[in-house]
Amino acid sequence: MPLGETGQQRIKFGSRTHSEGLRKPQRRMEPSSDGQETEDVSEQEALSQASRDSVDLAKSVVQPEILKRIDAGKAAKMPRNELADQLSEIVSEILMEEGQQLNLLEQRDLITMLLNDMLGLGPLEPLLADEAVTDIMVNGPKQVYVERGGKLEVSGVTFRDNAHVMNIANRIVSRIGRRVDESSPLCDARLEDGSRVNIIIPPLAIDGPSISIRKFPKMRITLDRMVETQNMSDAMCQVLKIAGRARLNILISGGTGSGKTTLLNAMSQMVDHGERVVTIEDAAELQLQQPHVVRLETRPPNLEGEGTISQTELVKNALRMRPDRIILGEIRGSEALDMLQAMNTGHDGSLGTLHANRPREALTRMENMVAMSGVKLPNEAVRAQISNALDLIVQISRMRDGVRRITHITEVVGMEGEIITTQDLFKYEFDGEDANGKLLGRYVSTGLRPSFMDRAEYFGLGRALMEAMAV
């Protein structure tokens, strides 16, 4: 039992009663067009707001009292339903002592808020539970934005102060053995469901701690599902499935929030269940369904600034682990050279993502990242490595209507002189927009014969590839 002593000093409202502290919102009347008075604020909305105010006010009194009466350390280890039962009894007792009156629904909301603060991520819990929310952005204690349907909007969720935000941030990072403080004000982390988290705090974040959460979808996204949601055409889906089964080395390119990781997860479902896969990420978020997967994650420096394990070191180590495929969550630096060498030395079917706005730009960025390794190679040699290693670039983009679309499937063909040659297999062509602002366009096959046709035929997929390109 986590209950502690109950004979502690009480926090009182003073002489003000609950009903005096929460006056019912007044309804302002305005004349309607037909001369009758209409309510500017509906009674239902006013009552709902009054209920929320009641719960918030009660929480400000109940929470300090609860912390005096329970062992917070033991409570944090209790099952949620058991702790809820005990909190219900304590909350009822405190409300009675303080002369507060809440109905059953309001008491339930109050207990949920207390549980979220004690066991979960406080004010963020309702947003994490909302399946329509894909991104959560905390810009200090009083400004929390969310993304719904590809559009940003203010959530209405707030924290008490900067210390409250920091408490939630520390709770996130401590679960995976990381830290965020003045000496280490940047941190990448993940939630228990795989959602990706980035945290940056003062002095780097001027207006208070900032938390950015990319939620992991509960429903598994497949290539077929992406066809249903018009992220690509059926023909493009078939070509990507063939590319995965034919063990092509594929680079997924796109901007921030374009859906690269989601597409990578969907593509990884084409990996044979008999293969050994090694994934390498800064913060593990890939959710592969294969039985033989080894997940590696980078390590930040310790308090002395030592002990860092980078993606470059993990890629080198992965080559000693007898992988059939290597999946690199995001290529962003010197690990690009090691990844290219892995692709060129028998690890066919490897996958990775990279930030770029067009397929040609992805190749340029890859070349620049190889230069970051410090290995002195002629430009021609670097480009030859890239052209030999990569087979396909899949470009994905989040467009202004909020829909994520695959805009290019581009094949890396080879070299002409010092230039890497490519050919587009599919393109998205923009036609306009409808009355609701949704973009109208077509996924068009170029009809070109893929240069990996021989490879597809080797895997018995040549005919299927030709049929998909003919659509």
Protein backbone atom coordinates (compact mmCIF):
# COMPACT_ATOMS: atom_id res chain seq x y z
CA MET A 1 0.00 0.00 0.00
CA PRO A 2 1.53 3.35 -1.02
CA LEU A 3 -0.63 5.33 1.40
CA GLY A 4 1.33 7.51 3.82
CA GLU A 5 0.43 9.54 6.85
CA THR A 6 -2.87 11.38 6.68
CA GLY A 7 -2.37 13.82 9.54
CA GLN A 8 -0.70 16.44 7.38
CA GLN A 9 -1.55 20.13 7.16
CA ARG A 10 -4.39 20.77 4.70
CA ILE A 11 -4.41 23.31 1.89
CA LYS A 12 -7.63 25.32 2.05
CA PHE A 13 -9.49 27.52 -0.36
CA GLY A 14 -9.93 30.02 2.45
CA SER A 15 -13.43 31.38 2.89
CA ARG A 16 -14.31 31.06 -0.80
CA THR A 17 -16.58 28.13 -1.58
CA HIS A 18 -16.50 26.05 -4.73
CA SER A 19 -19.66 27.64 -6.11
CA GLU A 20 -18.29 31.13 -5.44
CA GLY A 21 -14.97 30.33 -7.09
CA LEU A 22 -16.62 29.00 -10.24
CA ARG A 23 -19.46 31.17 -11.32
CA LYS A 24 -21.49 29.90 -14.18
CA PRO A 25 -20.47 31.67 -17.42
CA GLN A 26 -22.90 34.41 -18.36
CA ARG A 27 -24.66 34.11 -21.68
CA ARG A 28 -24.51 37.21 -23.85
CA MET A 29 -27.59 37.72 -26.00
CA GLU A 30 -27.49 39.13 -29.52
CA PRO A 31 -30.39 39.80 -31.88
CA SER A 32 -30.69 37.39 -34.78
CA SER A 33 -31.62 38.30 -38.34
CA ASP A 34 -35.28 37.54 -37.68
CA GLY A 35 -35.41 39.82 -34.61
CA GLN A 36 -35.22 37.02 -32.02
CA GLU A 37 -32.46 36.79 -29.44
CA THR A 38 -29.88 34.00 -29.95
CA GLU A 39 -27.20 32.72 -27.61
CA ASP A 40 -23.69 33.82 -28.56
CA VAL A 41 -22.24 30.94 -26.55
CA SER A 42 -24.32 27.78 -26.35
CA GLU A 43 -25.37 26.56 -22.93
CA GLN A 44 -23.74 23.20 -23.59
CA GLU A 45 -20.38 24.79 -24.37
CA ALA A 46 -20.62 27.03 -21.30
CA LEU A 47 -21.39 24.09 -19.02
CA SER A 48 -18.57 22.07 -20.57
CA GLN A 49 -16.12 24.91 -19.94
CA ALA A 50 -17.40 25.31 -16.38
CA SER A 51 -16.88 21.59 -15.79
CA ARG A 52 -13.29 21.79 -17.07
CA ASP A 53 -12.64 24.80 -14.85
CA SER A 54 -14.05 22.90 -11.86
CA VAL A 55 -11.75 19.96 -12.50
CA ASP A 56 -8.70 22.19 -13.02
CA LEU A 57 -9.41 24.12 -9.83
CA ALA A 58 -9.99 20.95 -7.83
CA LYS A 59 -6.75 19.43 -9.22
CA SER A 60 -4.74 22.43 -8.01
CA VAL A 61 -5.93 21.68 -4.46
CA VAL A 62 -6.11 17.89 -4.52
CA GLN A 63 -2.73 17.16 -6.14
CA PRO A 64 -0.51 18.70 -3.41
CA GLU A 65 -2.55 16.90 -0.75
CA ILE A 66 -2.20 13.55 -2.55
CA LEU A 67 1.58 13.94 -2.73
CA LYS A 68 1.60 14.34 1.06
CA ARG A 69 -0.45 11.20 1.64
CA ILE A 70 1.15 8.66 -0.70
CA ASP A 71 4.57 7.26 -1.43
CA ALA A 72 5.06 8.59 -4.99
CA GLY A 73 7.86 6.09 -5.71
CA LYS A 74 5.73 3.09 -4.84
CA ALA A 75 2.68 4.55 -6.58
CA ALA A 76 4.62 4.91 -9.85
CA LYS A 77 5.28 1.16 -9.83
CA MET A 78 1.67 0.14 -9.25
CA PRO A 79 -0.68 -1.07 -12.02
CA ARG A 80 -2.76 1.81 -13.33
CA ASN A 81 -6.14 0.30 -12.39
CA GLU A 82 -5.01 -0.49 -8.81
CA LEU A 83 -3.62 3.01 -8.33
CA ALA A 84 -6.84 4.46 -9.76
CA ASP A 85 -8.90 2.62 -7.13
CA GLN A 86 -6.75 3.95 -4.30
CA LEU A 87 -6.69 7.48 -5.72
CA SER A 88 -10.48 7.44 -5.98
CA GLU A 89 -10.81 6.91 -2.24
CA ILE A 90 -8.21 9.57 -1.38
CA VAL A 91 -9.66 12.12 -3.82
CA SER A 92 -13.18 11.67 -2.40
CA GLU A 93 -11.80 12.19 1.10
CA ILE A 94 -9.88 15.36 0.16
CA LEU A 95 -12.81 16.85 -1.76
CA MET A 96 -15.04 16.31 1.26
CA GLU A 97 -12.48 17.90 3.60
CA GLU A 98 -12.07 20.92 1.35
CA GLY A 99 -15.78 21.35 0.78
CA GLN A 100 -15.47 20.76 -2.97
CA GLN A 101 -18.30 19.29 -5.02
CA LEU A 102 -17.67 17.42 -8.26
CA ASN A 103 -20.06 15.10 -10.02
CA LEU A 104 -19.02 11.53 -10.86
CA LEU A 105 -17.90 12.42 -14.40
CA GLU A 106 -15.79 15.32 -13.14
CA GLN A 107 -14.23 13.11 -10.45
CA ARG A 108 -13.36 10.55 -13.11
CA ASP A 109 -11.73 13.26 -15.25
CA LEU A 110 -9.80 14.49 -12.19
CA ILE A 111 -8.49 11.00 -11.40
CA THR A 112 -7.49 10.49 -15.05
CA MET A 113 -5.52 13.74 -15.00
CA LEU A 114 -3.79 12.73 -11.75
CA LEU A 115 -2.92 9.29 -13.15
CA ASN A 116 -1.53 10.88 -16.34
CA ASP A 117 0.71 13.12 -14.24
CA MET A 118 1.89 10.25 -12.02
CA LEU A 119 2.26 7.43 -14.54
CA GLY A 120 2.06 8.94 -18.01
CA LEU A 121 3.03 12.12 -19.82
CA GLY A 122 0.58 14.45 -18.12
CA PRO A 123 -1.27 16.86 -20.44
CA LEU A 124 0.09 15.03 -23.49
CA GLU A 125 -1.77 11.78 -22.75
CA PRO A 126 -5.07 12.78 -24.45
CA LEU A 127 -3.14 13.83 -27.57
CA LEU A 128 -1.20 10.56 -27.60
CA ALA A 129 -4.49 8.66 -27.35
CA ASP A 130 -6.06 10.62 -30.23
CA GLU A 131 -5.44 8.53 -33.35
CA ALA A 132 -6.16 11.54 -35.60
CA VAL A 133 -3.08 13.32 -34.22
CA THR A 134 0.14 12.44 -36.05
CA ASP A 135 2.53 15.04 -34.57
CA ILE A 136 2.66 16.86 -31.23
CA MET A 137 4.76 20.01 -30.88
CA VAL A 138 5.26 21.59 -27.44
CA ASN A 139 6.62 25.14 -27.73
CA GLY A 140 6.94 25.98 -24.06
CA PRO A 141 4.25 25.48 -21.41
CA LYS A 142 1.41 27.49 -22.96
CA GLN A 143 1.63 26.61 -26.66
CA VAL A 144 1.06 23.07 -27.89
CA TYR A 145 0.38 22.39 -31.57
CA VAL A 146 -0.76 19.16 -33.21
CA GLU A 147 -0.97 17.91 -36.77
CA ARG A 148 -4.29 16.43 -37.91
CA GLY A 149 -4.85 15.43 -41.49
CA GLY A 150 -1.57 17.01 -42.54
CA LYS A 151 -2.54 20.43 -41.09
CA LEU A 152 -1.19 22.17 -37.97
CA GLU A 153 -3.59 23.48 -35.32
CA VAL A 154 -3.46 24.69 -31.72
CA SER A 155 -4.43 21.86 -29.37
CA GLY A 156 -5.66 23.86 -26.37
CA VAL A 157 -3.45 21.72 -24.08
CA THR A 158 -1.20 23.61 -21.66
CA PHE A 159 1.33 22.87 -18.92
CA ARG A 160 1.57 24.64 -15.57
CA ASP A 161 5.01 26.11 -16.23
CA ASN A 162 8.45 25.33 -17.67
CA ALA A 163 9.22 23.04 -14.74
CA HIS A 164 6.15 20.93 -15.63
CA VAL A 165 7.38 20.57 -19.23
CA MET A 166 10.87 19.63 -18.00
CA ASN A 167 9.38 17.01 -15.69
CA ILE A 168 7.61 15.36 -18.63
CA ALA A 169 10.75 15.64 -20.81
CA ASN A 170 12.87 13.93 -18.15
CA ARG A 171 10.26 11.21 -17.74
CA ILE A 172 10.49 10.47 -21.49
CA VAL A 173 14.28 10.29 -21.72
CA SER A 174 14.86 8.45 -18.42
CA ARG A 175 12.87 5.47 -19.70
CA ILE A 176 15.56 4.74 -22.29
CA GLY A 177 18.56 5.68 -20.17
CA ARG A 178 19.19 9.11 -21.64
CA ARG A 179 19.26 12.55 -20.08
CA VAL A 180 18.44 16.14 -20.93
CA ASP A 181 19.91 19.02 -18.91
CA GLU A 182 21.99 22.18 -19.39
CA SER A 183 25.10 20.16 -20.18
CA SER A 184 23.16 18.05 -22.72
CA PRO A 185 20.27 20.24 -23.93
CA LEU A 186 19.48 18.14 -27.02
CA CYS A 187 18.10 14.62 -26.97
CA ASP A 188 16.46 12.13 -29.34
CA ALA A 189 14.30 9.54 -27.65
CA ARG A 190 11.28 7.32 -28.21
CA LEU A 191 8.08 6.42 -26.41
CA GLU A 192 7.07 2.90 -25.45
CA ASP A 193 4.91 2.56 -28.58
CA GLY A 194 7.85 3.51 -30.85
CA SER A 195 6.89 7.16 -31.39
CA ARG A 196 9.91 9.36 -32.06
CA VAL A 197 10.70 12.26 -29.70
CA ASN A 198 13.06 15.22 -29.98
CA ILE A 199 13.67 17.44 -26.96
CA ILE A 200 15.56 20.74 -26.82
CA ILE A 201 15.72 22.88 -23.69
CA PRO A 202 17.17 26.25 -22.58
CA PRO A 203 19.61 27.80 -23.12
CA LEU A 204 19.23 26.55 -26.72
CA ALA A 205 15.40 26.88 -26.68
CA ILE A 206 14.82 30.51 -25.73
CA ASP A 207 11.10 30.38 -24.90
CA GLY A 208 11.20 27.25 -22.75
CA PRO A 209 11.60 23.50 -23.26
CA SER A 210 10.41 22.19 -26.64
CA ILE A 211 9.16 18.63 -27.20
CA SER A 212 8.42 17.29 -30.70
CA ILE A 213 6.70 13.91 -30.96
CA ARG A 214 6.21 12.00 -34.21
CA LYS A 215 3.53 9.48 -33.26
CA PHE A 216 3.81 5.88 -34.32
CA PRO A 217 0.55 4.78 -36.00
CA LYS A 218 -1.28 1.98 -34.19
CA MET A 219 -2.50 0.56 -37.49
CA ARG A 220 0.30 -1.04 -39.46
CA ILE A 221 0.84 0.84 -42.75
CA THR A 222 1.36 -1.40 -45.78
CA LEU A 223 2.04 -0.56 -49.41
CA ASP A 224 -1.51 -1.66 -50.27
CA ARG A 225 -2.86 0.65 -47.58
CA MET A 226 -0.88 3.52 -49.11
CA VAL A 227 -2.61 2.82 -52.43
CA GLU A 228 -6.01 3.06 -50.70
CA THR A 229 -5.09 6.43 -49.19
CA GLN A 230 -3.87 7.66 -52.62
CA ASN A 231 -0.23 8.00 -51.58
CA MET A 232 0.67 6.15 -54.79
CA SER A 233 -0.92 4.21 -57.63
CA ASP A 234 -1.47 0.47 -57.73
CA ALA A 235 1.16 0.11 -60.48
CA MET A 236 3.74 1.95 -58.34
CA CYS A 237 2.87 -0.35 -55.43
CA GLN A 238 3.51 -3.42 -57.58
CA VAL A 239 6.89 -2.08 -58.75
CA LEU A 240 7.97 -1.34 -55.16
CA LYS A 241 6.93 -4.83 -54.07
CA ILE A 242 8.96 -6.34 -56.92
CA ALA A 243 11.93 -4.10 -56.05
CA GLY A 244 11.82 -5.33 -52.45
CA ARG A 245 11.56 -9.01 -53.39
CA ALA A 246 14.29 -8.64 -56.02
CA ARG A 247 16.61 -7.32 -53.28
CA LEU A 248 17.27 -3.91 -54.80
CA ASN A 249 19.14 -1.34 -52.72
CA ILE A 250 16.57 1.40 -52.18
CA LEU A 251 16.97 4.96 -50.89
CA ILE A 252 13.84 6.74 -49.66
CA SER A 253 14.16 10.50 -50.06
CA GLY A 254 11.92 13.27 -48.75
CA GLY A 255 11.57 16.37 -46.63
CA THR A 256 10.86 16.60 -42.91
CA GLY A 257 7.55 14.96 -42.02
CA SER A 258 7.03 13.63 -45.53
CA GLY A 259 6.51 10.02 -44.39
CA LYS A 260 9.93 8.49 -45.09
CA THR A 261 9.94 6.23 -42.04
CA THR A 262 6.35 5.12 -42.65
CA LEU A 263 7.26 4.17 -46.22
CA LEU A 264 10.42 2.42 -45.00
CA ASN A 265 8.34 0.34 -42.57
CA ALA A 266 5.95 -0.56 -45.40
CA MET A 267 8.81 -1.46 -47.76
CA SER A 268 10.46 -3.63 -45.11
CA GLN A 269 7.47 -5.99 -45.18
CA MET A 270 8.83 -7.30 -48.49
CA VAL A 271 11.86 -8.72 -46.66
CA ASP A 272 11.81 -12.52 -46.55
CA HIS A 273 11.21 -13.93 -43.07
CA GLY A 274 14.22 -16.24 -43.46
CA GLU A 275 16.69 -13.32 -43.70
CA ARG A 276 18.74 -11.74 -40.92
CA VAL A 277 18.08 -7.99 -40.79
CA VAL A 278 20.11 -5.43 -38.83
CA THR A 279 18.54 -1.99 -38.26
CA ILE A 280 20.58 1.07 -37.25
CA GLU A 281 18.95 4.23 -35.90
CA ASP A 282 19.59 7.26 -33.71
CA ALA A 283 16.36 6.57 -31.82
CA ALA A 284 14.86 3.17 -32.59
CA GLU A 285 11.44 3.61 -34.22
CA LEU A 286 11.34 1.08 -37.05
CA GLN A 287 8.76 -1.66 -36.47
CA LEU A 288 9.80 -4.65 -38.56
CA GLN A 289 7.59 -7.74 -38.46
CA GLN A 290 10.27 -10.27 -39.44
CA PRO A 291 11.30 -12.76 -36.74
CA HIS A 292 15.08 -12.33 -37.22
CA VAL A 293 15.78 -8.63 -36.61
CA VAL A 294 18.65 -7.11 -34.62
CA ARG A 295 17.96 -3.49 -33.61
CA LEU A 296 20.93 -1.20 -32.96
CA GLU A 297 20.72 2.31 -31.54
CA THR A 298 23.34 5.05 -31.22
CA ARG A 299 24.49 6.24 -27.80
CA PRO A 300 25.00 9.89 -26.80
CA PRO A 301 28.02 11.03 -24.73
CA ASN A 302 28.03 10.59 -20.95
CA LEU A 303 28.47 13.35 -18.36
CA GLU A 304 32.19 13.54 -19.16
CA GLY A 305 31.45 13.93 -22.88
CA GLU A 306 32.76 10.44 -23.65
CA GLY A 307 31.30 7.13 -24.73
CA THR A 308 29.54 8.27 -27.91
CA ILE A 309 28.62 5.47 -30.32
CA SER A 310 27.76 6.87 -33.76
CA GLN A 311 25.88 5.39 -36.70
CA THR A 312 29.21 5.04 -38.51
CA GLU A 313 30.51 2.71 -35.80
CA LEU A 314 27.25 0.75 -35.75
CA VAL A 315 27.34 0.24 -39.54
CA LYS A 316 30.90 -1.06 -39.29
CA ASN A 317 29.88 -3.38 -36.47
CA ALA A 318 26.79 -4.55 -38.36
CA LEU A 319 29.03 -5.87 -41.16
CA ARG A 320 30.53 -8.30 -38.62
CA MET A 321 27.10 -9.61 -37.64
CA ARG A 322 26.43 -11.60 -40.82
CA PRO A 323 23.44 -9.52 -41.95
CA ASP A 324 21.45 -10.35 -45.08
CA ARG A 325 20.15 -6.80 -45.18
CA ILE A 326 21.05 -3.57 -43.39
CA ILE A 327 18.38 -0.93 -42.81
CA LEU A 328 19.66 2.51 -41.86
CA GLY A 329 16.92 4.67 -40.32
CA GLU A 330 18.37 7.93 -41.60
CA ILE A 331 21.59 8.62 -43.48
CA ARG A 332 22.88 11.98 -42.31
CA GLY A 333 26.68 11.92 -42.20
CA SER A 334 29.86 9.92 -42.59
CA GLU A 335 27.99 6.59 -42.25
CA ALA A 336 26.98 7.09 -45.91
CA LEU A 337 30.35 5.73 -47.09
CA ASP A 338 30.11 2.61 -44.91
CA MET A 339 26.54 2.04 -46.07
CA LEU A 340 27.56 2.30 -49.73
CA GLN A 341 30.41 -0.16 -49.15
CA ALA A 342 27.99 -2.56 -47.46
CA MET A 343 25.62 -2.33 -50.44
CA ASN A 344 28.54 -3.00 -52.77
CA THR A 345 29.80 -6.03 -50.87
CA GLY A 346 26.94 -8.49 -50.97
CA HIS A 347 24.32 -6.89 -48.72
CA ASP A 348 21.71 -6.51 -51.45
CA GLY A 349 18.24 -5.37 -50.50
CA SER A 350 19.44 -2.77 -48.02
CA LEU A 351 17.26 0.25 -47.27
CA GLY A 352 17.79 3.76 -45.95
CA THR A 353 16.23 7.22 -45.80
CA LEU A 354 17.71 10.64 -46.52
CA HIS A 355 16.50 14.24 -46.42
CA ALA A 356 16.25 15.67 -49.94
CA ASN A 357 13.60 17.33 -52.10
CA ARG A 358 14.28 15.57 -55.41
CA PRO A 359 15.96 12.31 -56.51
CA ARG A 360 18.88 14.12 -58.15
CA GLU A 361 19.37 16.18 -54.99
CA ALA A 362 19.45 12.94 -52.97
CA LEU A 363 22.43 11.76 -55.03
CA THR A 364 24.22 15.07 -54.48
CA ARG A 365 23.59 14.90 -50.73
CA MET A 366 24.88 11.34 -50.62
CA GLU A 367 28.05 12.48 -52.36
CA ASN A 368 28.48 15.32 -49.83
CA MET A 369 28.00 12.94 -46.91
CA VAL A 370 30.70 10.61 -48.23
CA ALA A 371 33.04 13.61 -48.18
CA MET A 372 32.16 14.11 -44.48
CA SER A 373 33.81 10.77 -43.69
CA GLY A 374 37.24 12.33 -44.16
CA VAL A 375 38.28 9.66 -46.67
CA LYS A 376 39.94 11.34 -49.63
CA LEU A 377 38.36 9.96 -52.79
CA PRO A 378 38.11 11.53 -56.25
CA ASN A 379 34.61 12.74 -57.14
CA GLU A 380 34.43 10.21 -59.97
CA ALA A 381 35.22 7.34 -57.59
CA VAL A 382 32.53 8.49 -55.12
CA ARG A 383 29.92 8.74 -57.86
CA ALA A 384 30.89 5.31 -59.17
CA GLN A 385 30.39 3.90 -55.67
CA ILE A 386 26.94 5.53 -55.46
CA SER A 387 25.84 4.35 -58.92
CA ASN A 388 27.02 0.79 -58.23
CA ALA A 389 25.40 0.65 -54.79
CA LEU A 390 21.98 2.27 -55.31
CA ASP A 391 19.31 0.78 -57.54
CA LEU A 392 16.22 2.86 -56.79
CA ILE A 393 15.32 6.24 -55.28
CA VAL A 394 11.76 6.67 -54.01
CA GLN A 395 10.84 10.33 -53.53
CA ILE A 396 7.97 11.10 -51.13
CA SER A 397 6.55 14.53 -50.39
CA ARG A 398 3.98 16.08 -48.06
CA MET A 399 2.03 18.42 -50.32
CA ARG A 400 0.18 21.59 -49.38
CA ASP A 401 -3.16 19.79 -48.98
CA GLY A 402 -1.58 17.67 -46.24
CA VAL A 403 -1.50 14.44 -48.30
CA ARG A 404 1.78 12.58 -48.59
CA ARG A 405 2.44 11.35 -52.12
CA ILE A 406 5.22 9.44 -53.82
CA THR A 407 6.24 11.91 -56.52
CA HIS A 408 9.04 9.91 -58.21
CA ILE A 409 10.27 6.36 -58.48
CA THR A 410 13.66 6.88 -60.06
CA GLU A 411 16.12 4.22 -61.15
CA VAL A 412 19.88 4.70 -60.88
CA VAL A 413 21.10 3.38 -64.23
CA GLY A 414 24.88 3.84 -64.18
CA MET A 415 27.58 6.31 -65.19
CA GLU A 416 28.16 8.40 -68.31
CA GLY A 417 31.59 9.94 -67.93
CA GLU A 418 31.58 11.50 -64.46
CA ILE A 419 27.79 11.85 -64.27
CA ILE A 420 25.41 9.42 -62.55
CA THR A 421 22.58 8.65 -64.97
CA THR A 422 19.01 8.03 -63.79
CA GLN A 423 15.62 7.39 -65.36
CA ASP A 424 12.17 8.03 -63.92
CA LEU A 425 9.88 5.01 -63.86
CA PHE A 426 6.91 6.87 -62.35
CA LYS A 427 6.06 10.53 -61.72
CA TYR A 428 3.23 12.41 -60.07
CA GLU A 429 1.82 15.07 -62.39
CA PHE A 430 -0.10 17.93 -60.79
CA ASP A 431 -3.30 19.03 -62.56
CA GLY A 432 -4.95 21.50 -60.16
CA GLU A 433 -7.13 21.41 -57.05
CA ASP A 434 -10.77 20.87 -56.23
CA ALA A 435 -13.18 23.17 -54.38
CA ASN A 436 -12.04 21.78 -51.02
CA GLY A 437 -8.38 22.54 -51.67
CA LYS A 438 -7.35 18.95 -52.34
CA LEU A 439 -4.74 18.63 -55.05
CA LEU A 440 -5.69 16.80 -58.23
CA GLY A 441 -3.10 14.88 -60.18
CA ARG A 442 -2.09 11.61 -61.81
CA TYR A 443 0.55 8.97 -61.16
CA VAL A 444 2.08 8.41 -64.57
CA SER A 445 4.27 5.54 -65.75
CA THR A 446 7.03 6.62 -68.14
CA GLY A 447 6.79 3.24 -69.90
CA LEU A 448 10.57 2.82 -69.88
CA ARG A 449 12.06 -0.63 -69.51
CA PRO A 450 13.62 -0.83 -66.02
CA SER A 451 17.30 -1.64 -66.11
CA PHE A 452 16.72 -4.10 -63.23
CA MET A 453 14.49 -6.20 -65.50
CA ASP A 454 17.11 -8.98 -65.66
CA ARG A 455 17.27 -9.06 -61.88
CA ALA A 456 13.47 -9.23 -61.65
CA GLU A 457 13.45 -12.14 -64.11
CA TYR A 458 16.06 -13.93 -61.98
CA PHE A 459 13.54 -13.84 -59.12
CA GLY A 460 10.67 -14.85 -61.43
CA LEU A 461 9.12 -11.38 -61.40
CA GLY A 462 9.96 -10.12 -64.89
CA ARG A 463 6.48 -10.51 -66.34
CA ALA A 464 4.84 -8.85 -63.36
CA LEU A 465 7.25 -5.93 -63.69
CA MET A 466 6.45 -5.41 -67.37
CA GLU A 467 2.71 -5.50 -66.65
CA ALA A 468 3.08 -2.90 -63.91
CA MET A 469 5.12 -0.57 -66.14
CA ALA A 470 2.58 -0.92 -68.97
CA VAL A 471 -0.30 0.49 -66.89
